[in-house]
Amino acid sequence: MTKAYSLDLRERVARFVDGGSSRHAAAAHFRVSVSFVVKLMAARRASGSLKPKPCGGWRYSKLDPHREFLVRRVSEKDDITMPELASELAGKGTVVAPSSISRWLIRNGYSFKKNAAGQRARAARYQAGTSAMAGKAPAEDAA
C-alpha cells in the first residue's frame, strides 16, 4: 500500500495554491497528481487540516463471529480443506469463498501445512528430479 504524502509537501502545495496558482500548475510544479491537489484543497476547506487520513487498521470479517468453530474444526481435523469448511459454514448460514477462509486463517496465525523436514508438502509427482537422484550411484557406461 502506498504511503501518504508528507505534511511538509502538503503545506507547500497549499501555500502554492493560496499564492494564486492553479491546482494544475501546483500539480505540475510539485510533480504530484492533479487529483491529489484538488482533494487536498477540498479536505482543507472541509476540515481545516492538511493531515492525511489514517491508513490501515482493523478490517471487519464475517468470519470473526465463527472464530471458535473454525479453530475447533481445524484442530479436530488438521487436513480439512477450505471447501469443506466453506460448506460447513454455509450449513450454518454464512456463505463465504474458500479463499476467504484461507486468508482469515493466515491472518489469525495458521500457516500452510508443512512436512517433517520443514518444507511445504508437495504432491509425489513433483518430487522427481535432482533431489530424487541424490544418493543414487551413477549409471555405468555400457561402452
C-alpha atoms as a PDB file:
ATOM      1  CA  MET A   1       0.000   0.000   0.000  1.00  0.00           C
ATOM      2  CA  THR A   2       1.221   3.490  -0.729  1.00  0.00           C
ATOM      3  CA  LYS A   3       2.213   5.997   1.924  1.00  0.00           C
ATOM      4  CA  ALA A   4       0.573   9.377   2.336  1.00  0.00           C
ATOM      5  CA  TYR A   5       2.467  12.433   1.164  1.00  0.00           C
ATOM      6  CA  SER A   6       4.350  14.221   3.953  1.00  0.00           C
ATOM      7  CA  LEU A   7       2.764  17.102   5.838  1.00  0.00           C
ATOM      8  CA  ASP A   8       5.595  19.348   4.627  1.00  0.00           C
ATOM      9  CA  LEU A   9       4.729  18.698   0.970  1.00  0.00           C
ATOM     10  CA  ARG A  10       1.051  19.190   1.701  1.00  0.00           C
ATOM     11  CA  GLU A  11       1.733  22.574   3.293  1.00  0.00           C
ATOM     12  CA  ARG A  12       3.928  23.686   0.367  1.00  0.00           C
ATOM     13  CA  VAL A  13       1.266  22.676  -2.166  1.00  0.00           C
ATOM     14  CA  ALA A  14      -1.431  24.516  -0.208  1.00  0.00           C
ATOM     15  CA  ARG A  15       0.736  27.664   0.034  1.00  0.00           C
ATOM     16  CA  PHE A  16       1.406  27.481  -3.716  1.00  0.00           C
ATOM     17  CA  VAL A  17      -2.326  27.324  -4.482  1.00  0.00           C
ATOM     18  CA  ASP A  18      -3.095  30.050  -1.921  1.00  0.00           C
ATOM     19  CA  GLY A  19      -0.491  32.220  -3.642  1.00  0.00           C
ATOM     20  CA  GLY A  20      -2.707  32.388  -6.692  1.00  0.00           C
ATOM     21  CA  SER A  21      -1.569  29.409  -8.769  1.00  0.00           C
ATOM     22  CA  SER A  22      -3.994  26.912 -10.214  1.00  0.00           C
ATOM     23  CA  ARG A  23      -4.301  23.371  -8.959  1.00  0.00           C
ATOM     24  CA  HIS A  24      -2.955  22.080 -12.278  1.00  0.00           C
ATOM     25  CA  ALA A  25       0.094  24.341 -12.003  1.00  0.00           C
ATOM     26  CA  ALA A  26       0.699  23.168  -8.425  1.00  0.00           C
ATOM     27  CA  ALA A  27       0.485  19.540  -9.516  1.00  0.00           C
ATOM     28  CA  ALA A  28       2.998  20.116 -12.314  1.00  0.00           C
ATOM     29  CA  HIS A  29       5.345  22.145 -10.094  1.00  0.00           C
ATOM     30  CA  PHE A  30       5.458  19.563  -7.268  1.00  0.00           C
ATOM     31  CA  ARG A  31       5.176  16.539  -9.594  1.00  0.00           C
ATOM     32  CA  VAL A  32       2.040  15.146  -7.964  1.00  0.00           C
ATOM     33  CA  SER A  33      -1.308  14.284  -9.496  1.00  0.00           C
ATOM     34  CA  VAL A  34      -3.945  16.923 -10.101  1.00  0.00           C
ATOM     35  CA  SER A  35      -6.454  14.826  -8.172  1.00  0.00           C
ATOM     36  CA  PHE A  36      -4.172  14.903  -5.105  1.00  0.00           C
ATOM     37  CA  VAL A  37      -4.080  18.716  -5.160  1.00  0.00           C
ATOM     38  CA  VAL A  38      -7.822  19.016  -5.740  1.00  0.00           C
ATOM     39  CA  LYS A  39      -8.621  16.548  -2.931  1.00  0.00           C
ATOM     40  CA  LEU A  40      -6.083  18.190  -0.620  1.00  0.00           C
ATOM     41  CA  MET A  41      -7.643  21.618  -1.059  1.00  0.00           C
ATOM     42  CA  ALA A  42     -11.173  20.207  -0.653  1.00  0.00           C
ATOM     43  CA  ALA A  43     -10.152  18.402   2.548  1.00  0.00           C
ATOM     44  CA  ARG A  44      -8.577  21.562   3.950  1.00  0.00           C
ATOM     45  CA  ARG A  45     -11.717  23.536   3.115  1.00  0.00           C
ATOM     46  CA  ALA A  46     -13.904  20.896   4.825  1.00  0.00           C
ATOM     47  CA  SER A  47     -11.807  20.154   7.924  1.00  0.00           C
ATOM     48  CA  GLY A  48      -9.286  22.982   8.134  1.00  0.00           C
ATOM     49  CA  SER A  49      -6.441  20.468   8.332  1.00  0.00           C
ATOM     50  CA  LEU A  50      -3.870  19.191   5.857  1.00  0.00           C
ATOM     51  CA  LYS A  51      -3.121  15.996   7.798  1.00  0.00           C
ATOM     52  CA  PRO A  52      -3.624  12.754   5.858  1.00  0.00           C
ATOM     53  CA  LYS A  53      -6.416  10.409   6.798  1.00  0.00           C
ATOM     54  CA  PRO A  54      -5.370   7.377   8.836  1.00  0.00           C
ATOM     55  CA  CYS A  55      -4.351   4.310   6.828  1.00  0.00           C
ATOM     56  CA  GLY A  56      -4.788   0.651   7.636  1.00  0.00           C
ATOM     57  CA  GLY A  57      -6.407  -0.531  10.810  1.00  0.00           C
ATOM     58  CA  TRP A  58      -8.752  -3.324  11.713  1.00  0.00           C
ATOM     59  CA  ARG A  59     -10.840  -4.840   8.955  1.00  0.00           C
ATOM     60  CA  TYR A  60     -14.196  -6.468   9.627  1.00  0.00           C
ATOM     61  CA  SER A  61     -14.557 -10.066   8.578  1.00  0.00           C
ATOM     62  CA  LYS A  62     -17.787 -12.006   8.612  1.00  0.00           C
ATOM     63  CA  LEU A  63     -15.718 -14.983   9.781  1.00  0.00           C
ATOM     64  CA  ASP A  64     -14.804 -13.320  13.100  1.00  0.00           C
ATOM     65  CA  PRO A  65     -18.047 -14.437  14.824  1.00  0.00           C
ATOM     66  CA  HIS A  66     -17.221 -18.035  13.786  1.00  0.00           C
ATOM     67  CA  ARG A  67     -13.704 -17.987  15.305  1.00  0.00           C
ATOM     68  CA  GLU A  68     -14.363 -20.763  17.839  1.00  0.00           C
ATOM     69  CA  PHE A  69     -15.981 -23.006  15.237  1.00  0.00           C
ATOM     70  CA  LEU A  70     -13.128 -22.560  12.728  1.00  0.00           C
ATOM     71  CA  VAL A  71     -10.377 -23.078  15.292  1.00  0.00           C
ATOM     72  CA  ARG A  72     -12.145 -26.153  16.672  1.00  0.00           C
ATOM     73  CA  ARG A  73     -12.648 -27.706  13.221  1.00  0.00           C
ATOM     74  CA  VAL A  74      -9.035 -27.086  12.180  1.00  0.00           C
ATOM     75  CA  SER A  75      -7.723 -28.601  15.422  1.00  0.00           C
ATOM     76  CA  GLU A  76     -10.070 -31.616  15.170  1.00  0.00           C
ATOM     77  CA  LYS A  77      -9.190 -32.375  11.559  1.00  0.00           C
ATOM     78  CA  ASP A  78      -5.819 -30.897  10.644  1.00  0.00           C
ATOM     79  CA  ASP A  79      -6.113 -31.820   6.953  1.00  0.00           C
ATOM     80  CA  ILE A  80      -9.551 -30.255   6.420  1.00  0.00           C
ATOM     81  CA  THR A  81      -9.868 -28.406   3.134  1.00  0.00           C
ATOM     82  CA  MET A  82     -11.131 -24.882   2.656  1.00  0.00           C
ATOM     83  CA  PRO A  83     -14.108 -26.021   0.520  1.00  0.00           C
ATOM     84  CA  GLU A  84     -15.121 -28.397   3.328  1.00  0.00           C
ATOM     85  CA  LEU A  85     -15.003 -25.550   5.839  1.00  0.00           C
ATOM     86  CA  ALA A  86     -16.935 -23.311   3.449  1.00  0.00           C
ATOM     87  CA  SER A  87     -19.691 -25.903   3.046  1.00  0.00           C
ATOM     88  CA  GLU A  88     -19.929 -26.384   6.829  1.00  0.00           C
ATOM     89  CA  LEU A  89     -20.242 -22.624   7.301  1.00  0.00           C
ATOM     90  CA  ALA A  90     -22.868 -22.478   4.532  1.00  0.00           C
ATOM     91  CA  GLY A  91     -24.840 -25.043   6.527  1.00  0.00           C
ATOM     92  CA  LYS A  92     -24.737 -22.577   9.447  1.00  0.00           C
ATOM     93  CA  GLY A  93     -25.982 -19.750   7.213  1.00  0.00           C
ATOM     94  CA  THR A  94     -22.699 -17.982   6.393  1.00  0.00           C
ATOM     95  CA  VAL A  95     -21.729 -18.165   2.736  1.00  0.00           C
ATOM     96  CA  VAL A  96     -18.030 -17.447   2.104  1.00  0.00           C
ATOM     97  CA  ALA A  97     -15.486 -18.368  -0.530  1.00  0.00           C
ATOM     98  CA  PRO A  98     -12.834 -20.944   0.409  1.00  0.00           C
ATOM     99  CA  SER A  99     -10.122 -18.386  -0.371  1.00  0.00           C
ATOM    100  CA  SER A 100     -11.619 -16.032   2.244  1.00  0.00           C
ATOM    101  CA  ILE A 101     -11.316 -18.748   4.865  1.00  0.00           C
ATOM    102  CA  SER A 102      -7.711 -19.353   3.864  1.00  0.00           C
ATOM    103  CA  ARG A 103      -6.840 -15.649   4.165  1.00  0.00           C
ATOM    104  CA  TRP A 104      -8.648 -15.441   7.522  1.00  0.00           C
ATOM    105  CA  LEU A 105      -6.711 -18.439   8.876  1.00  0.00           C
ATOM    106  CA  ILE A 106      -3.382 -16.985   7.724  1.00  0.00           C
ATOM    107  CA  ARG A 107      -4.247 -13.598   9.280  1.00  0.00           C
ATOM    108  CA  ASN A 108      -5.024 -15.400  12.541  1.00  0.00           C
ATOM    109  CA  GLY A 109      -1.733 -17.276  12.761  1.00  0.00           C
ATOM    110  CA  TYR A 110      -2.402 -20.508  10.909  1.00  0.00           C
ATOM    111  CA  SER A 111       0.095 -21.327   8.175  1.00  0.00           C
ATOM    112  CA  PHE A 112       0.407 -23.788   5.336  1.00  0.00           C
ATOM    113  CA  LYS A 113       0.808 -27.443   6.186  1.00  0.00           C
ATOM    114  CA  LYS A 114       4.462 -28.441   6.443  1.00  0.00           C
ATOM    115  CA  ASN A 115       6.053 -31.864   6.358  1.00  0.00           C
ATOM    116  CA  ALA A 116       8.536 -33.194   8.920  1.00  0.00           C
ATOM    117  CA  ALA A 117      11.523 -31.690   7.073  1.00  0.00           C
ATOM    118  CA  GLY A 118      10.065 -28.190   7.394  1.00  0.00           C
ATOM    119  CA  GLN A 119       9.320 -27.906   3.680  1.00  0.00           C
ATOM    120  CA  ARG A 120       5.892 -27.318   2.207  1.00  0.00           C
ATOM    121  CA  ALA A 121       4.170 -30.591   1.473  1.00  0.00           C
ATOM    122  CA  ARG A 122       4.096 -31.435  -2.256  1.00  0.00           C
ATOM    123  CA  ALA A 123       2.405 -33.983  -4.394  1.00  0.00           C
ATOM    124  CA  ALA A 124       4.534 -37.052  -5.171  1.00  0.00           C
ATOM    125  CA  ARG A 125       4.712 -36.212  -8.885  1.00  0.00           C
ATOM    126  CA  TYR A 126       6.769 -33.086  -8.149  1.00  0.00           C
ATOM    127  CA  GLN A 127       9.390 -34.823  -6.052  1.00  0.00           C
ATOM    128  CA  ALA A 128      11.098 -36.448  -9.009  1.00  0.00           C
ATOM    129  CA  GLY A 129      14.140 -34.621 -10.311  1.00  0.00           C
ATOM    130  CA  THR A 130      17.570 -33.758  -8.966  1.00  0.00           C
ATOM    131  CA  SER A 131      16.552 -34.194  -5.328  1.00  0.00           C
ATOM    132  CA  ALA A 132      15.192 -37.667  -6.132  1.00  0.00           C
ATOM    133  CA  MET A 133      18.539 -38.607  -7.687  1.00  0.00           C
ATOM    134  CA  ALA A 134      20.543 -37.642  -4.622  1.00  0.00           C
ATOM    135  CA  GLY A 135      22.343 -40.601  -3.056  1.00  0.00           C
ATOM    136  CA  LYS A 136      21.962 -42.898  -6.069  1.00  0.00           C
ATOM    137  CA  ALA A 137      25.011 -44.265  -7.795  1.00  0.00           C
ATOM    138  CA  PRO A 138      25.666 -43.029 -11.331  1.00  0.00           C
ATOM    139  CA  ALA A 139      24.853 -45.408 -14.147  1.00  0.00           C
ATOM    140  CA  GLU A 140      27.726 -47.477 -15.523  1.00  0.00           C
ATOM    141  CA  ASP A 141      28.776 -46.756 -19.101  1.00  0.00           C
ATOM    142  CA  ALA A 142      27.963 -49.673 -21.398  1.00  0.00           C
ATOM    143  CA  ALA A 143      30.850 -48.951 -23.734  1.00  0.00           C
END
